[in-house]
Protein backbone atom coordinates (compact mmCIF):
# COMPACT_ATOMS: atom_id res chain seq x y z
CA MET A 1 -20.91 -21.25 -115.92
CA LYS A 2 -21.23 -24.36 -113.11
CA ARG A 3 -19.46 -24.43 -109.59
CA PHE A 4 -18.29 -26.87 -107.77
CA PHE A 5 -18.19 -26.66 -104.08
CA LEU A 6 -15.99 -28.45 -101.41
CA PRO A 7 -18.03 -29.41 -98.69
CA ALA A 8 -17.89 -26.81 -95.87
CA ALA A 9 -16.61 -29.25 -93.57
CA LEU A 10 -13.34 -30.16 -95.53
CA LEU A 11 -13.05 -26.47 -95.98
CA ILE A 12 -12.76 -26.34 -91.82
CA ILE A 13 -10.09 -28.70 -91.99
CA LEU A 14 -7.93 -26.19 -94.70
CA SER A 15 -8.56 -23.42 -92.17
CA GLY A 16 -5.52 -22.03 -90.74
CA THR A 17 -3.12 -23.16 -93.72
CA GLY A 18 -3.12 -20.61 -95.83
CA HIS A 19 -5.72 -21.66 -98.21
CA PRO A 20 -8.96 -20.62 -95.87
CA ASP A 21 -11.27 -19.74 -98.88
CA THR A 22 -9.96 -22.90 -101.59
CA VAL A 23 -13.07 -22.19 -103.92
CA PRO A 24 -13.72 -19.43 -105.87
CA GLY A 25 -17.09 -17.81 -104.18
CA THR A 26 -16.87 -19.40 -101.21
CA ILE A 27 -16.23 -18.24 -97.61
CA ALA A 28 -15.08 -20.95 -95.57
CA THR A 29 -16.29 -22.14 -92.18
CA THR A 30 -13.26 -20.99 -90.00
CA PRO A 31 -12.60 -23.57 -86.71
CA ASN A 32 -13.41 -20.79 -84.59
CA ASP A 33 -16.91 -20.42 -86.00
CA LEU A 34 -17.38 -23.61 -86.24
CA ALA A 35 -16.45 -24.00 -82.38
CA ARG A 36 -18.40 -20.81 -81.46
CA PHE A 37 -21.47 -22.07 -83.18
CA LEU A 38 -21.53 -25.67 -81.33
CA ALA A 39 -20.93 -23.33 -78.17
CA GLY A 40 -23.98 -21.54 -78.62
CA MET A 41 -21.56 -18.51 -78.98
CA PRO A 42 -22.00 -15.39 -81.50
CA VAL A 43 -19.89 -16.20 -84.70
CA SER A 44 -18.49 -13.90 -87.30
CA PRO A 45 -21.41 -11.80 -89.43
CA GLN A 46 -19.57 -12.41 -92.49
CA GLY A 47 -19.22 -16.21 -92.25
CA PRO A 48 -21.60 -18.72 -93.42
CA LEU A 49 -22.89 -19.93 -90.11
CA HIS A 50 -24.24 -16.75 -89.42
CA HIS A 51 -27.28 -16.92 -90.52
CA LEU A 52 -28.23 -19.72 -88.79
CA THR A 53 -27.56 -18.19 -85.46
CA GLY A 54 -31.18 -16.21 -86.25
CA THR A 55 -33.10 -19.67 -86.47
CA GLU A 56 -35.19 -20.62 -83.45
CA CYS A 57 -33.31 -23.80 -83.26
CA PHE A 58 -29.92 -21.90 -82.73
CA LYS A 59 -31.33 -19.63 -80.18
CA GLU A 60 -32.66 -22.18 -77.84
CA HIS A 61 -29.32 -23.83 -77.70
CA ALA A 62 -27.52 -20.56 -77.37
CA LYS A 63 -29.53 -19.92 -74.27
CA LEU A 64 -29.62 -23.54 -72.73
CA MET A 65 -25.49 -23.06 -73.17
CA ASN A 66 -25.27 -19.67 -71.45
CA ARG A 67 -26.76 -21.30 -68.79
CA PHE A 68 -24.63 -24.60 -68.87
CA TRP A 69 -21.64 -22.42 -69.01
CA SER A 70 -22.88 -20.13 -65.85
CA GLU A 71 -23.00 -23.18 -63.65
CA VAL A 72 -20.02 -24.65 -65.02
CA LEU A 73 -18.25 -21.46 -63.80
CA ARG A 74 -20.06 -21.42 -60.42
CA GLU A 75 -19.76 -24.90 -59.51
CA ASN A 76 -16.19 -25.95 -61.29
CA ILE A 77 -14.05 -22.89 -62.71
CA PHE A 78 -14.23 -20.37 -59.89
CA ASN A 79 -13.51 -23.29 -57.63
CA MET A 80 -10.94 -25.07 -59.40
CA VAL A 81 -8.62 -22.19 -60.72
CA PRO A 82 -7.42 -20.95 -57.18
CA TRP A 83 -6.80 -24.10 -56.39
CA ARG A 84 -4.73 -25.29 -59.23
CA ASN A 85 -3.00 -21.83 -59.02
CA GLN A 86 -2.03 -22.88 -55.55
CA TYR A 87 -1.30 -26.42 -56.05
CA VAL A 88 -0.71 -27.22 -59.39
CA LEU A 89 1.14 -24.73 -61.16
CA PRO A 90 4.40 -24.58 -59.54
CA ASN A 91 5.00 -28.06 -60.00
CA TYR A 92 4.57 -29.08 -63.55
CA ASP A 93 6.52 -28.47 -66.53
CA TYR A 94 4.68 -27.45 -69.50
CA GLY A 95 5.11 -30.50 -71.55
CA THR A 96 2.33 -32.86 -72.19
CA ALA A 97 -0.63 -32.88 -70.82
CA PHE A 98 -2.08 -37.20 -70.59
CA TYR A 99 -5.54 -38.17 -70.08
CA PRO A 100 -6.22 -41.62 -70.45
CA LEU A 101 -9.99 -43.02 -70.48
CA SER A 102 -11.02 -39.34 -70.88
CA GLY A 103 -14.12 -39.42 -72.96
CA GLY A 104 -14.82 -35.98 -74.23
CA ASP A 105 -13.70 -34.23 -71.03
CA PHE A 106 -11.10 -31.24 -72.01
CA ILE A 107 -12.51 -29.19 -69.26
CA ASN A 108 -10.16 -30.66 -66.34
CA LEU A 109 -7.87 -31.37 -68.40
CA TYR A 110 -7.09 -27.99 -69.60
CA LEU A 111 -8.01 -26.38 -66.26
CA LEU A 112 -5.65 -28.47 -64.22
CA TYR A 113 -3.03 -28.08 -66.79
CA PRO A 114 -3.40 -24.70 -68.50
CA LEU A 115 -0.42 -24.04 -69.84
CA ALA A 116 0.60 -27.46 -71.37
CA ARG A 117 2.17 -27.48 -75.09
CA ARG A 118 0.01 -30.62 -76.18
CA TYR A 119 -3.18 -32.39 -74.76
CA VAL A 120 -3.21 -36.40 -75.68
CA MET A 121 -6.83 -37.72 -74.46
CA VAL A 122 -7.73 -41.00 -75.31
CA SER A 123 -10.21 -43.59 -74.56
CA LEU A 124 -13.27 -45.54 -76.41
CA GLU A 125 -15.37 -42.97 -77.54
CA PRO A 126 -15.56 -42.58 -81.38
CA ALA A 127 -13.43 -39.33 -82.47
CA GLY A 128 -16.03 -38.50 -84.73
CA LYS A 129 -16.03 -36.44 -88.11
CA VAL A 130 -15.96 -32.42 -88.34
CA PRO A 131 -19.81 -31.36 -88.56
CA ASP A 132 -21.21 -29.67 -91.05
CA PRO A 133 -24.11 -27.77 -89.78
CA LEU A 134 -24.88 -26.16 -92.93
CA ALA A 135 -25.57 -29.52 -94.47
CA HIS A 136 -28.71 -30.24 -92.02
CA THR A 137 -32.46 -29.51 -91.94
CA ASP A 138 -33.37 -27.55 -88.64
CA ALA A 139 -35.11 -30.50 -87.50
CA GLN A 140 -31.65 -32.50 -87.76
CA LEU A 141 -29.40 -29.82 -86.15
CA ARG A 142 -31.88 -29.79 -83.47
CA ARG A 143 -31.10 -33.20 -82.80
CA GLY A 144 -27.69 -33.07 -83.29
CA LEU A 145 -27.06 -30.06 -80.93
CA ARG A 146 -29.65 -31.57 -78.17
CA ALA A 147 -27.26 -34.71 -78.21
CA ILE A 148 -24.09 -32.86 -77.98
CA ARG A 149 -25.93 -31.14 -74.75
CA ALA A 150 -27.04 -34.30 -73.37
CA SER A 151 -23.30 -35.59 -73.70
CA ILE A 152 -21.76 -32.87 -71.74
CA SER A 153 -24.63 -32.12 -69.12
CA ASN A 154 -23.53 -33.34 -66.11
CA ILE A 155 -20.38 -31.62 -66.09
CA ALA A 156 -21.88 -28.61 -64.98
CA ALA A 157 -23.05 -29.39 -61.70
CA LYS A 158 -20.75 -32.62 -61.08
CA ASN A 159 -18.04 -32.36 -62.94
CA TYR A 160 -18.31 -35.68 -64.48
CA MET A 161 -19.23 -36.64 -68.28
CA MET A 162 -20.99 -40.14 -67.66
CA SER A 163 -19.79 -43.17 -69.98
CA ALA A 164 -23.38 -44.40 -70.86
CA VAL A 165 -25.16 -41.10 -71.44
CA MET A 166 -21.74 -40.52 -74.34
CA LYS A 167 -21.93 -43.58 -75.47
CA HIS A 168 -25.43 -43.34 -76.35
CA GLU A 169 -25.06 -39.37 -77.64
CA MET A 170 -22.32 -39.34 -79.47
CA LYS A 171 -23.41 -41.66 -81.83
CA ASN A 172 -25.72 -39.49 -83.22
CA PRO A 173 -25.03 -39.05 -87.13
CA ILE A 174 -25.05 -35.28 -87.06
CA MET A 175 -22.89 -34.59 -84.15
CA GLU A 176 -20.55 -37.71 -83.64
CA GLY A 177 -17.80 -38.81 -81.78
CA THR A 178 -16.14 -36.49 -79.33
CA LEU A 179 -14.96 -33.95 -81.64
CA PRO A 180 -18.38 -31.56 -81.32
CA THR A 181 -17.50 -31.79 -77.30
CA LEU A 182 -13.78 -30.59 -77.64
CA LEU A 183 -14.60 -27.78 -79.85
CA LEU A 184 -17.71 -26.39 -77.71
CA LEU A 185 -15.53 -26.40 -74.43
CA ALA A 186 -12.57 -24.98 -76.48
CA ALA A 187 -14.87 -22.27 -77.48
CA ARG A 188 -16.13 -21.71 -73.73
CA LEU A 189 -12.72 -21.47 -72.55
CA GLU A 190 -11.77 -18.86 -75.21
CA LEU A 191 -9.24 -20.47 -77.07
CA ASP A 192 -8.48 -19.26 -80.45
CA LEU A 193 -8.81 -22.40 -83.07
CA LEU A 194 -6.76 -22.25 -85.92
CA ARG A 195 -7.06 -26.09 -87.56
CA ILE A 196 -9.26 -29.22 -87.11
CA GLU A 197 -7.64 -32.60 -88.73
CA PRO A 198 -8.53 -35.89 -88.84
CA VAL A 199 -5.47 -38.04 -87.76
CA GLY A 200 -4.73 -41.79 -88.00
CA MET A 201 -2.05 -44.05 -85.82
CA THR A 202 0.06 -46.07 -87.90
CA ALA A 203 1.32 -49.45 -87.20
CA ALA A 204 4.70 -47.83 -86.45
CA GLY A 205 2.62 -45.63 -83.95
CA GLU A 206 2.90 -41.93 -85.84
CA ILE A 207 0.11 -39.67 -85.65
CA VAL A 208 -0.45 -38.53 -89.40
CA PRO A 209 -3.20 -36.83 -91.33
CA LEU A 210 -5.60 -38.98 -92.99
CA ASP A 211 -6.15 -38.72 -97.12
CA MET A 212 -9.24 -38.26 -98.82
CA ASN A 213 -9.58 -42.06 -98.14
CA GLY A 214 -9.50 -42.23 -94.85
CA LYS A 215 -5.80 -43.71 -94.79
CA ALA A 216 -2.86 -42.91 -92.82
CA ARG A 217 0.12 -42.97 -95.40
CA GLY A 218 -1.75 -45.35 -97.51
CA GLU A 219 -2.45 -48.13 -94.96
CA THR A 220 -5.84 -48.39 -92.87
CA PRO A 221 -5.11 -46.50 -89.32
CA TYR A 222 -4.69 -48.39 -86.54
CA ALA A 223 -6.78 -46.04 -84.33
CA LEU A 224 -8.60 -42.82 -85.35
CA GLY A 225 -8.48 -39.46 -83.93
CA ASN A 226 -8.94 -35.69 -84.30
CA ARG A 227 -5.87 -33.09 -83.94
CA ILE A 228 -6.67 -29.50 -83.11
CA ILE A 229 -4.44 -26.63 -83.48
CA PHE A 230 -4.99 -23.50 -81.16
CA LYS A 231 -3.31 -20.83 -79.41
CA SER A 232 -4.35 -19.45 -76.29
CA SER A 233 -3.24 -15.98 -76.94
CA PRO A 234 -2.41 -13.92 -79.91
CA THR A 235 1.29 -13.76 -79.65
CA GLY A 236 1.40 -17.07 -77.96
CA PRO A 237 2.68 -20.67 -79.45
CA ASP A 238 0.88 -22.68 -81.69
CA ARG A 239 -0.82 -25.65 -79.04
CA GLU A 240 -2.30 -29.01 -79.69
CA ILE A 241 -5.18 -31.36 -78.63
CA LEU A 242 -4.95 -34.65 -80.19
CA TYR A 243 -7.89 -37.30 -79.30
CA ILE A 244 -7.53 -40.75 -80.17
CA SER A 245 -10.24 -43.33 -80.02
CA LEU A 246 -8.74 -46.47 -78.94
CA ARG A 247 -8.99 -49.25 -76.50
CA LEU A 248 -6.49 -49.47 -73.49
CA LYS A 249 -4.83 -52.67 -73.07
CA TRP A 250 -2.07 -54.36 -70.87
CA ASP A 251 0.24 -53.85 -73.55
CA SER A 252 -0.64 -50.34 -74.76
CA MET A 253 2.79 -48.82 -73.34
CA SER A 254 4.75 -51.54 -74.96
CA PRO A 255 7.31 -50.59 -77.28
CA THR A 256 6.05 -53.07 -79.48
CA SER A 257 2.63 -52.24 -79.80
CA PRO A 258 1.86 -49.06 -82.16
CA GLU A 259 0.27 -46.75 -79.31
CA GLY A 260 3.14 -47.62 -77.05
CA LYS A 261 5.39 -46.60 -79.80
CA PHE A 262 3.51 -43.41 -79.97
CA PHE A 263 3.38 -42.72 -76.22
CA ALA A 264 7.37 -43.71 -76.14
CA THR A 265 7.57 -40.21 -78.41
CA LEU A 266 5.45 -37.99 -76.07
CA GLY A 267 8.81 -37.59 -73.60
CA SER A 268 7.33 -37.12 -69.23
CA LEU A 269 3.81 -36.64 -68.72
CA ASN A 270 1.80 -34.38 -66.44
CA VAL A 271 -1.42 -37.05 -66.01
CA ILE A 272 -5.05 -36.71 -65.28
CA ILE A 273 -6.97 -39.90 -64.72
CA LYS A 274 -10.56 -39.84 -62.82
CA SER A 275 -13.53 -42.12 -63.13
CA ALA A 276 -11.49 -44.47 -64.48
CA PHE A 277 -13.69 -47.86 -63.10
CA TYR A 278 -10.51 -48.82 -61.32
CA LEU A 279 -9.42 -50.60 -64.66
CA LEU A 280 -5.77 -49.63 -63.85
CA HIS A 281 -6.38 -52.01 -60.37
CA ARG A 282 -6.81 -55.01 -62.52
CA PRO A 283 -3.93 -57.31 -62.05
CA SER A 284 -3.55 -57.66 -66.23
CA PHE A 285 -2.77 -53.85 -66.25
CA GLU A 286 0.10 -53.65 -63.84
CA GLU A 287 2.69 -53.62 -66.29
CA TYR A 288 0.68 -50.77 -68.05
CA SER A 289 0.12 -48.79 -64.95
CA ARG A 290 4.12 -49.34 -64.25
CA ALA A 291 5.36 -48.06 -67.66
CA LEU A 292 2.48 -45.15 -67.08
CA LEU A 293 4.02 -44.00 -63.81
CA ALA A 294 7.43 -44.41 -65.04
CA ARG A 295 6.51 -41.65 -67.35
CA THR A 296 5.01 -39.58 -65.17
CA ARG A 297 6.15 -36.14 -63.68
CA LEU A 298 3.10 -35.14 -61.75
CA LEU A 299 -0.18 -36.95 -61.25
CA ILE A 300 -3.52 -35.72 -60.39
CA GLN A 301 -6.21 -38.60 -59.82
CA ASP A 302 -9.14 -39.88 -57.74
CA ASP A 303 -8.98 -43.51 -56.08
CA SER A 304 -9.96 -44.83 -59.39
CA GLY A 305 -6.59 -44.24 -60.90
CA LEU A 306 -3.34 -45.81 -60.51
CA PRO A 307 -3.20 -48.02 -57.52
CA TYR A 308 -2.08 -45.72 -54.59
CA ARG A 309 0.64 -48.60 -53.05
CA MET A 310 2.71 -47.57 -56.69
CA LEU A 311 3.57 -43.61 -55.13
CA VAL A 312 6.32 -44.92 -53.18
CA PRO A 313 7.35 -42.27 -50.97
CA GLY A 314 11.18 -42.30 -51.85
CA ASP A 315 9.76 -41.17 -55.59
CA TRP A 316 6.94 -38.95 -54.68
CA ASP A 317 5.36 -36.25 -52.94
CA THR A 318 1.66 -37.02 -52.60
CA SER A 319 -0.84 -34.60 -51.05
CA LEU A 320 -4.43 -35.93 -50.15
CA PHE A 321 -7.45 -33.61 -50.99
CA GLY A 322 -10.80 -34.12 -49.96
CA TYR A 323 -12.27 -37.33 -48.18
CA TYR A 324 -11.84 -41.31 -48.60
CA SER A 325 -12.77 -44.19 -46.03
CA GLY A 326 -13.28 -46.82 -49.47
CA PRO A 327 -14.41 -46.98 -52.70
CA LEU A 328 -17.50 -46.16 -54.23
CA ALA A 329 -19.74 -49.20 -55.25
CA LEU A 330 -20.73 -48.66 -58.89
CA ARG A 331 -23.61 -50.35 -61.11
CA ASP A 332 -21.41 -52.67 -62.93
CA MET A 333 -18.92 -52.82 -59.75
CA LYS A 334 -20.18 -54.10 -56.99
CA HIS A 335 -17.17 -54.92 -54.85
CA PRO A 336 -14.44 -52.32 -56.27
CA VAL A 337 -10.75 -52.48 -55.10
CA MET A 338 -10.26 -51.34 -51.51
CA GLN A 339 -7.15 -49.49 -50.87
CA PRO A 340 -6.51 -49.87 -47.00
CA GLU A 341 -3.06 -47.60 -46.93
CA LEU A 342 -4.88 -44.95 -49.15
CA ALA A 343 -7.52 -45.21 -46.30
CA ALA A 344 -5.11 -44.87 -43.31
CA ASP A 345 -3.42 -42.17 -44.87
CA TYR A 346 -6.56 -40.02 -45.34
CA LYS A 347 -7.21 -39.95 -41.31
CA VAL A 348 -4.17 -37.85 -41.28
CA ASN A 349 -5.09 -34.21 -41.97
CA PRO A 350 -6.32 -34.47 -45.48
CA LEU A 351 -6.39 -31.04 -47.20
CA PRO A 352 -9.37 -29.63 -48.24
CA LEU A 353 -11.12 -29.99 -51.99
CA PRO A 354 -12.99 -27.36 -53.05
CA PHE A 355 -14.52 -28.71 -56.34
CA HIS A 356 -16.07 -32.04 -56.88
CA PHE A 357 -13.57 -34.64 -58.84
CA GLY A 358 -14.25 -38.23 -59.64
CA TYR A 359 -16.94 -40.82 -58.44
CA GLY A 360 -17.18 -39.04 -55.10
CA VAL A 361 -19.99 -36.75 -56.66
CA TRP A 362 -22.27 -39.97 -56.46
CA ARG A 363 -21.80 -40.54 -52.61
CA TYR A 364 -24.86 -39.49 -50.50
CA ASP A 365 -22.59 -36.65 -49.10
CA ARG A 366 -21.08 -35.92 -52.39
CA LYS A 367 -17.31 -35.90 -50.89
CA SER A 368 -14.89 -36.43 -53.41
CA ASN A 369 -11.20 -37.45 -53.07
CA LEU A 370 -8.14 -36.05 -55.23
CA ILE A 371 -4.60 -37.62 -54.77
CA MET A 372 -1.74 -35.26 -56.25
CA SER A 373 1.90 -36.80 -56.72
CA VAL A 374 4.89 -34.85 -57.87
CA ARG A 375 7.89 -36.63 -58.50
CA LYS A 376 10.88 -36.05 -56.33
CA SER A 377 13.51 -34.14 -58.08
CA GLY A 378 16.12 -37.32 -57.89
CA SER A 379 13.61 -39.38 -59.26
CA ARG A 380 13.35 -38.68 -63.11
CA PRO A 381 10.74 -39.89 -65.25
CA ARG A 382 11.92 -42.23 -68.04
CA ARG A 383 11.99 -40.50 -71.52
């Protein structure tokens, strides 16, 4: 009797829903095994990806990923975690962590806000589909794994993901979009992945699973994304990573736009903004910036994020870390916005910053700046 097999990628999506082995005679690739494979880590000996780990392609990938992660630990994590424990953990409420203009940079979001129940990432990079390593030749798989290594390479030494590199590498049809990056970073951070789910944003701002035709409740999605459900401990609650591919606009926080309707459901936010091309300094983004700040409880950013002048001392306790005397000229922005108030305040005893953050890594002395603002107890974020 002839058997009909579901694609491995579809079985991955179903894993964790109570039907991990939907087709008789097949063993589903679990989200954990897929993420660990992409991360160059050992996978389950009983899983369908195990035989691929014996190939020269995977052995090379694992060697390079181990080297990459050793550098991430040495340059970033070992320096960032003690700083975070001292300054961030006492000041946030474990709700939603939000990272606009994030690319695939889950590592900074998770390291700075390790206890958030929900992580929301928004940027232009495509969300991508669930990759299926079993569907490709050795040469294709080698090319796909090389692409995801290239897209994350700078995060090791510089704690920085280059937009131009992501734009190029994340278009590859084998490991496309931000999803492979999110999965492999989650695996390296030792998270237990339960489910991967392609989603879409409706015109009403709802995030719903896509059907087999790529529709969201029967309509063409306003924006596409992926949802990853995970645990960080066996007895802990289910938590969520939500990535949405979306161009931020002046009205992206407006209650009349689909994304504005979605953002309104998130409650108060713990926000990170870095290497943001000074987008929110443009006059056209004044409305968006003020609306985002009104919903923010804790803000961690570099000077390219929300304008410093908006952080009114009566509403915010702001601490300055690292070094700042003026903005860094970028290849496509020779004259970014100067913030004299920020430069003046940086002359008054800034605190040390023991890791790279934002555009500072491109300075000749590689000095970064980090601005941390905590909303004062009498000034409540809008819900």
